[in-house]
N, C-alpha and C. Protein backbone atom coordinates (compact mmCIF):
# COMPACT_ATOMS: atom_id res chain seq x y z
N UNK A 1 -39.02 5.08 -0.56
CA UNK A 1 -38.26 4.01 0.05
C UNK A 1 -37.29 3.40 -0.96
N UNK A 2 -37.77 3.22 -2.22
CA UNK A 2 -36.91 2.65 -3.26
C UNK A 2 -35.73 3.58 -3.53
N UNK A 3 -35.98 4.86 -3.48
CA UNK A 3 -34.92 5.85 -3.74
C UNK A 3 -33.86 5.77 -2.65
N UNK A 4 -34.27 5.61 -1.43
CA UNK A 4 -33.32 5.50 -0.32
C UNK A 4 -32.46 4.24 -0.45
N UNK A 5 -33.08 3.13 -0.78
CA UNK A 5 -32.35 1.88 -0.95
C UNK A 5 -31.37 1.99 -2.12
N UNK A 6 -31.83 2.57 -3.22
CA UNK A 6 -30.98 2.74 -4.39
C UNK A 6 -29.80 3.66 -4.07
N UNK A 7 -30.04 4.71 -3.33
CA UNK A 7 -28.98 5.64 -2.93
C UNK A 7 -27.94 4.94 -2.07
N UNK A 8 -28.38 4.12 -1.14
CA UNK A 8 -27.46 3.39 -0.27
C UNK A 8 -26.60 2.42 -1.07
N UNK A 9 -27.23 1.70 -2.00
CA UNK A 9 -26.49 0.75 -2.84
C UNK A 9 -25.45 1.48 -3.68
N UNK A 10 -25.81 2.61 -4.26
CA UNK A 10 -24.87 3.38 -5.08
C UNK A 10 -23.71 3.90 -4.23
N UNK A 11 -24.02 4.43 -3.06
CA UNK A 11 -22.96 4.94 -2.18
C UNK A 11 -22.01 3.82 -1.75
N UNK A 12 -22.54 2.66 -1.43
CA UNK A 12 -21.69 1.52 -1.06
C UNK A 12 -20.80 1.12 -2.22
N UNK A 13 -21.37 1.09 -3.41
CA UNK A 13 -20.58 0.75 -4.60
C UNK A 13 -19.46 1.74 -4.85
N UNK A 14 -19.77 3.02 -4.70
CA UNK A 14 -18.75 4.05 -4.90
C UNK A 14 -17.67 4.00 -3.83
N UNK A 15 -18.06 3.71 -2.60
CA UNK A 15 -17.06 3.67 -1.54
C UNK A 15 -16.11 2.49 -1.73
N UNK A 16 -16.62 1.37 -2.21
CA UNK A 16 -15.75 0.21 -2.48
C UNK A 16 -14.79 0.53 -3.61
N UNK A 17 -15.29 1.19 -4.64
CA UNK A 17 -14.44 1.54 -5.77
C UNK A 17 -13.37 2.56 -5.34
N UNK A 18 -13.75 3.51 -4.51
CA UNK A 18 -12.79 4.51 -4.03
C UNK A 18 -11.72 3.84 -3.19
N UNK A 19 -12.10 2.84 -2.40
CA UNK A 19 -11.13 2.12 -1.57
C UNK A 19 -10.12 1.37 -2.43
N UNK A 20 -10.57 0.78 -3.52
CA UNK A 20 -9.67 0.05 -4.41
C UNK A 20 -8.67 0.98 -5.08
N UNK A 21 -9.10 2.20 -5.38
CA UNK A 21 -8.24 3.14 -6.08
C UNK A 21 -7.36 3.96 -5.14
N UNK A 22 -7.59 3.85 -3.85
CA UNK A 22 -6.80 4.62 -2.89
C UNK A 22 -5.36 4.13 -2.88
N UNK A 23 -4.44 5.05 -2.64
CA UNK A 23 -3.03 4.67 -2.56
C UNK A 23 -2.79 3.82 -1.33
N UNK A 24 -1.94 2.83 -1.49
CA UNK A 24 -1.61 2.00 -0.35
C UNK A 24 -0.54 2.69 0.49
N UNK A 25 -0.29 2.16 1.66
CA UNK A 25 0.70 2.74 2.55
C UNK A 25 2.11 2.21 2.27
N UNK A 26 2.30 1.57 1.14
CA UNK A 26 3.62 1.05 0.81
C UNK A 26 4.52 2.19 0.38
N UNK A 27 5.83 2.04 0.57
CA UNK A 27 6.76 3.12 0.30
C UNK A 27 6.79 3.61 -1.15
N UNK A 28 6.63 2.75 -2.13
CA UNK A 28 6.63 3.17 -3.52
C UNK A 28 5.47 2.50 -4.23
N UNK A 29 5.30 2.80 -5.50
CA UNK A 29 4.15 2.28 -6.24
C UNK A 29 4.05 0.76 -6.18
N UNK A 30 5.15 0.07 -6.32
CA UNK A 30 5.10 -1.40 -6.29
C UNK A 30 5.45 -1.96 -4.91
N UNK A 31 5.67 -1.09 -3.94
CA UNK A 31 5.95 -1.53 -2.58
C UNK A 31 7.40 -1.92 -2.35
N UNK A 32 8.26 -1.68 -3.33
CA UNK A 32 9.65 -2.09 -3.17
C UNK A 32 10.54 -0.94 -2.73
N UNK A 33 11.65 -1.30 -2.15
CA UNK A 33 12.69 -0.35 -1.76
C UNK A 33 14.01 -0.79 -2.37
N UNK A 34 14.93 0.14 -2.48
CA UNK A 34 16.27 -0.17 -2.95
C UNK A 34 17.23 0.01 -1.78
N UNK A 35 18.08 -0.97 -1.58
CA UNK A 35 19.02 -0.91 -0.47
C UNK A 35 20.38 -1.46 -0.86
N UNK A 36 21.33 -1.26 0.02
CA UNK A 36 22.71 -1.74 -0.16
C UNK A 36 22.99 -2.77 0.93
N UNK A 37 23.57 -3.90 0.53
CA UNK A 37 23.90 -4.96 1.47
C UNK A 37 25.20 -4.61 2.18
N UNK A 38 25.22 -4.79 3.49
CA UNK A 38 26.43 -4.62 4.31
C UNK A 38 26.66 -5.93 5.06
N UNK A 39 27.90 -6.36 5.10
CA UNK A 39 28.24 -7.63 5.74
C UNK A 39 29.26 -7.40 6.85
N UNK A 40 28.98 -7.98 8.02
CA UNK A 40 29.88 -7.91 9.18
C UNK A 40 30.31 -6.49 9.52
N UNK A 41 29.35 -5.60 9.65
CA UNK A 41 29.60 -4.22 10.05
C UNK A 41 28.67 -3.86 11.21
N UNK A 42 29.12 -3.02 12.10
CA UNK A 42 28.30 -2.50 13.20
C UNK A 42 27.61 -3.61 14.00
N UNK A 43 28.35 -4.66 14.31
CA UNK A 43 27.86 -5.79 15.09
C UNK A 43 26.72 -6.57 14.44
N UNK A 44 26.52 -6.41 13.13
CA UNK A 44 25.49 -7.16 12.39
C UNK A 44 26.17 -8.10 11.40
N UNK A 45 25.73 -9.35 11.36
CA UNK A 45 26.28 -10.25 10.35
C UNK A 45 25.93 -9.77 8.94
N UNK A 46 24.74 -9.20 8.79
CA UNK A 46 24.31 -8.63 7.51
C UNK A 46 23.17 -7.65 7.78
N UNK A 47 23.12 -6.57 7.00
CA UNK A 47 21.98 -5.66 7.06
C UNK A 47 21.85 -4.92 5.75
N UNK A 48 20.68 -4.35 5.53
CA UNK A 48 20.42 -3.56 4.34
C UNK A 48 20.29 -2.10 4.76
N UNK A 49 21.04 -1.23 4.09
CA UNK A 49 20.88 0.21 4.37
C UNK A 49 20.02 0.80 3.26
N UNK A 50 19.06 1.60 3.66
CA UNK A 50 18.12 2.21 2.74
C UNK A 50 18.24 3.72 2.93
N UNK A 51 18.51 4.43 1.83
CA UNK A 51 18.64 5.89 1.93
C UNK A 51 17.83 6.58 0.85
N UNK A 52 17.68 7.88 1.01
CA UNK A 52 16.88 8.69 0.10
C UNK A 52 17.52 8.77 -1.29
N UNK A 53 18.83 8.67 -1.39
CA UNK A 53 19.50 8.76 -2.68
C UNK A 53 19.04 7.64 -3.62
N UNK A 54 18.90 6.44 -3.11
CA UNK A 54 18.47 5.30 -3.92
C UNK A 54 16.95 5.20 -4.03
N UNK A 55 16.22 5.94 -3.22
CA UNK A 55 14.77 5.89 -3.20
C UNK A 55 14.19 7.31 -3.25
N UNK A 56 14.44 8.06 -4.33
CA UNK A 56 13.99 9.45 -4.38
C UNK A 56 12.47 9.55 -4.36
N UNK A 57 11.97 10.50 -3.58
CA UNK A 57 10.54 10.74 -3.50
C UNK A 57 9.77 9.73 -2.68
N UNK A 58 10.46 8.81 -2.01
CA UNK A 58 9.81 7.79 -1.21
C UNK A 58 9.98 8.12 0.26
N UNK A 59 8.91 8.03 1.01
CA UNK A 59 9.01 8.20 2.45
C UNK A 59 9.55 6.89 3.00
N UNK A 60 10.75 6.95 3.56
CA UNK A 60 11.40 5.73 4.02
C UNK A 60 10.87 5.31 5.39
N UNK A 61 10.41 4.06 5.51
CA UNK A 61 9.90 3.59 6.79
C UNK A 61 11.01 3.24 7.77
N UNK A 62 12.22 3.05 7.27
CA UNK A 62 13.39 2.73 8.09
C UNK A 62 14.64 2.96 7.26
N UNK A 63 15.82 2.97 7.92
CA UNK A 63 17.07 3.18 7.20
C UNK A 63 18.01 1.99 7.29
N UNK A 64 17.78 1.13 8.26
CA UNK A 64 18.65 -0.03 8.45
C UNK A 64 17.78 -1.22 8.82
N UNK A 65 17.86 -2.28 8.00
CA UNK A 65 17.01 -3.45 8.22
C UNK A 65 17.85 -4.72 8.30
N UNK A 66 17.49 -5.57 9.25
CA UNK A 66 18.13 -6.88 9.38
C UNK A 66 17.23 -7.91 8.67
N UNK A 67 17.70 -8.46 7.52
CA UNK A 67 16.88 -9.42 6.79
C UNK A 67 17.08 -10.84 7.32
N UNK A 68 15.99 -11.53 7.59
CA UNK A 68 16.08 -12.88 8.13
C UNK A 68 16.44 -13.92 7.07
N UNK A 69 15.98 -13.74 5.86
CA UNK A 69 16.12 -14.80 4.87
C UNK A 69 16.91 -14.37 3.62
N UNK A 70 17.94 -13.57 3.80
CA UNK A 70 18.80 -13.20 2.68
C UNK A 70 19.68 -14.39 2.33
N UNK A 71 19.65 -14.81 1.08
CA UNK A 71 20.42 -15.97 0.65
C UNK A 71 21.92 -15.68 0.74
N UNK A 72 22.68 -16.74 1.06
CA UNK A 72 24.14 -16.58 1.20
C UNK A 72 24.78 -15.98 -0.05
N UNK A 73 24.28 -16.32 -1.22
CA UNK A 73 24.83 -15.80 -2.47
C UNK A 73 24.65 -14.30 -2.63
N UNK A 74 23.77 -13.70 -1.84
CA UNK A 74 23.52 -12.26 -1.92
C UNK A 74 24.18 -11.50 -0.78
N UNK A 75 24.89 -12.18 0.06
CA UNK A 75 25.57 -11.53 1.18
C UNK A 75 26.93 -11.04 0.71
N UNK A 76 26.89 -10.02 -0.14
CA UNK A 76 28.10 -9.43 -0.71
C UNK A 76 28.10 -7.94 -0.41
N UNK A 77 29.16 -7.49 0.21
CA UNK A 77 29.27 -6.09 0.59
C UNK A 77 29.09 -5.18 -0.63
N UNK A 78 28.20 -4.20 -0.49
CA UNK A 78 27.99 -3.20 -1.53
C UNK A 78 26.99 -3.61 -2.61
N UNK A 79 26.41 -4.80 -2.52
CA UNK A 79 25.45 -5.26 -3.51
C UNK A 79 24.19 -4.40 -3.42
N UNK A 80 23.75 -3.88 -4.56
CA UNK A 80 22.56 -3.03 -4.60
C UNK A 80 21.38 -3.91 -4.98
N UNK A 81 20.31 -3.86 -4.16
CA UNK A 81 19.16 -4.74 -4.38
C UNK A 81 17.85 -3.98 -4.28
N UNK A 82 16.85 -4.48 -5.01
CA UNK A 82 15.47 -4.00 -4.88
C UNK A 82 14.71 -5.12 -4.20
N UNK A 83 13.92 -4.77 -3.18
CA UNK A 83 13.24 -5.81 -2.42
C UNK A 83 11.88 -5.37 -1.92
N UNK A 84 11.04 -6.36 -1.67
CA UNK A 84 9.80 -6.16 -0.94
C UNK A 84 9.91 -6.99 0.33
N UNK A 85 9.13 -6.63 1.32
CA UNK A 85 9.33 -7.25 2.64
C UNK A 85 8.05 -7.22 3.46
N UNK A 86 8.10 -7.98 4.52
CA UNK A 86 7.12 -7.84 5.60
C UNK A 86 7.93 -7.72 6.88
N UNK A 87 7.42 -6.95 7.82
CA UNK A 87 8.14 -6.80 9.08
C UNK A 87 7.98 -8.07 9.90
N UNK A 88 8.96 -8.33 10.76
CA UNK A 88 8.97 -9.53 11.58
C UNK A 88 9.15 -9.15 13.05
N UNK A 89 8.65 -9.98 13.92
CA UNK A 89 8.84 -9.76 15.35
C UNK A 89 10.04 -10.56 15.87
N UNK A 90 10.79 -11.15 14.97
CA UNK A 90 11.96 -11.93 15.36
C UNK A 90 13.03 -11.01 15.96
N UNK A 91 13.90 -11.59 16.74
CA UNK A 91 14.99 -10.84 17.36
C UNK A 91 16.12 -10.65 16.35
N UNK A 92 16.82 -9.54 16.49
CA UNK A 92 18.02 -9.32 15.70
C UNK A 92 19.24 -9.64 16.57
N UNK A 93 20.40 -9.83 15.95
CA UNK A 93 21.59 -10.13 16.74
C UNK A 93 21.87 -9.01 17.75
N UNK A 94 22.37 -9.40 18.90
CA UNK A 94 22.66 -8.44 19.95
C UNK A 94 23.65 -7.39 19.46
N UNK A 95 23.33 -6.13 19.68
CA UNK A 95 24.21 -5.03 19.31
C UNK A 95 24.06 -4.59 17.86
N UNK A 96 23.20 -5.23 17.10
CA UNK A 96 23.07 -4.91 15.67
C UNK A 96 22.53 -3.50 15.46
N UNK A 97 21.50 -3.14 16.18
CA UNK A 97 20.99 -1.78 16.08
C UNK A 97 20.20 -1.47 14.82
N UNK A 98 19.66 -2.48 14.15
CA UNK A 98 18.82 -2.24 12.98
C UNK A 98 17.50 -1.62 13.43
N UNK A 99 16.89 -0.84 12.56
CA UNK A 99 15.62 -0.20 12.86
C UNK A 99 14.47 -1.22 12.85
N UNK A 100 14.63 -2.28 12.05
CA UNK A 100 13.56 -3.25 11.86
C UNK A 100 14.14 -4.59 11.45
N UNK A 101 13.44 -5.65 11.79
CA UNK A 101 13.78 -6.99 11.31
C UNK A 101 12.75 -7.32 10.25
N UNK A 102 13.21 -7.78 9.07
CA UNK A 102 12.29 -8.02 7.96
C UNK A 102 12.43 -9.43 7.41
N UNK A 103 11.35 -9.88 6.83
CA UNK A 103 11.31 -11.12 6.06
C UNK A 103 11.21 -10.69 4.61
N UNK A 104 12.20 -11.03 3.79
CA UNK A 104 12.19 -10.64 2.40
C UNK A 104 11.15 -11.46 1.64
N UNK A 105 10.36 -10.78 0.82
CA UNK A 105 9.38 -11.47 -0.03
C UNK A 105 9.97 -11.67 -1.42
N UNK A 106 10.49 -10.60 -1.98
CA UNK A 106 11.18 -10.68 -3.28
C UNK A 106 12.46 -9.86 -3.16
N UNK A 107 13.45 -10.25 -3.92
CA UNK A 107 14.70 -9.50 -3.96
C UNK A 107 15.38 -9.72 -5.31
N UNK A 108 15.84 -8.64 -5.91
CA UNK A 108 16.56 -8.72 -7.18
C UNK A 108 17.78 -7.82 -7.10
N UNK A 109 18.83 -8.23 -7.78
CA UNK A 109 20.06 -7.45 -7.82
C UNK A 109 19.91 -6.36 -8.87
N UNK A 110 20.36 -5.17 -8.52
CA UNK A 110 20.37 -4.05 -9.46
C UNK A 110 21.81 -3.88 -9.93
N UNK A 111 22.03 -3.97 -11.24
CA UNK A 111 23.42 -3.83 -11.75
C UNK A 111 23.98 -2.43 -11.54
């Protein structure tokens, strides 16, 4: 009986450790993507385009995102940015055609 209990405890411990070491479902190691800011194009006041060229080896979850909280100072056409995000259920502007609406968590400019 002690052996069975000990075996269960060890297996539970190993499964928790394996879960911690498992890869997350985020697009890259740190969960960030690189995108280009577009302003007043394709019926969108602003959107981020994400492509394989800027994110090599990353499975892209989307190619065009409408960011809800992009600061006015970053709304510059062609600005290259690295960002993390959470998806949002908010509406995008009519006719925008973005693949997803996102809430930016972090964003930094890439020179």
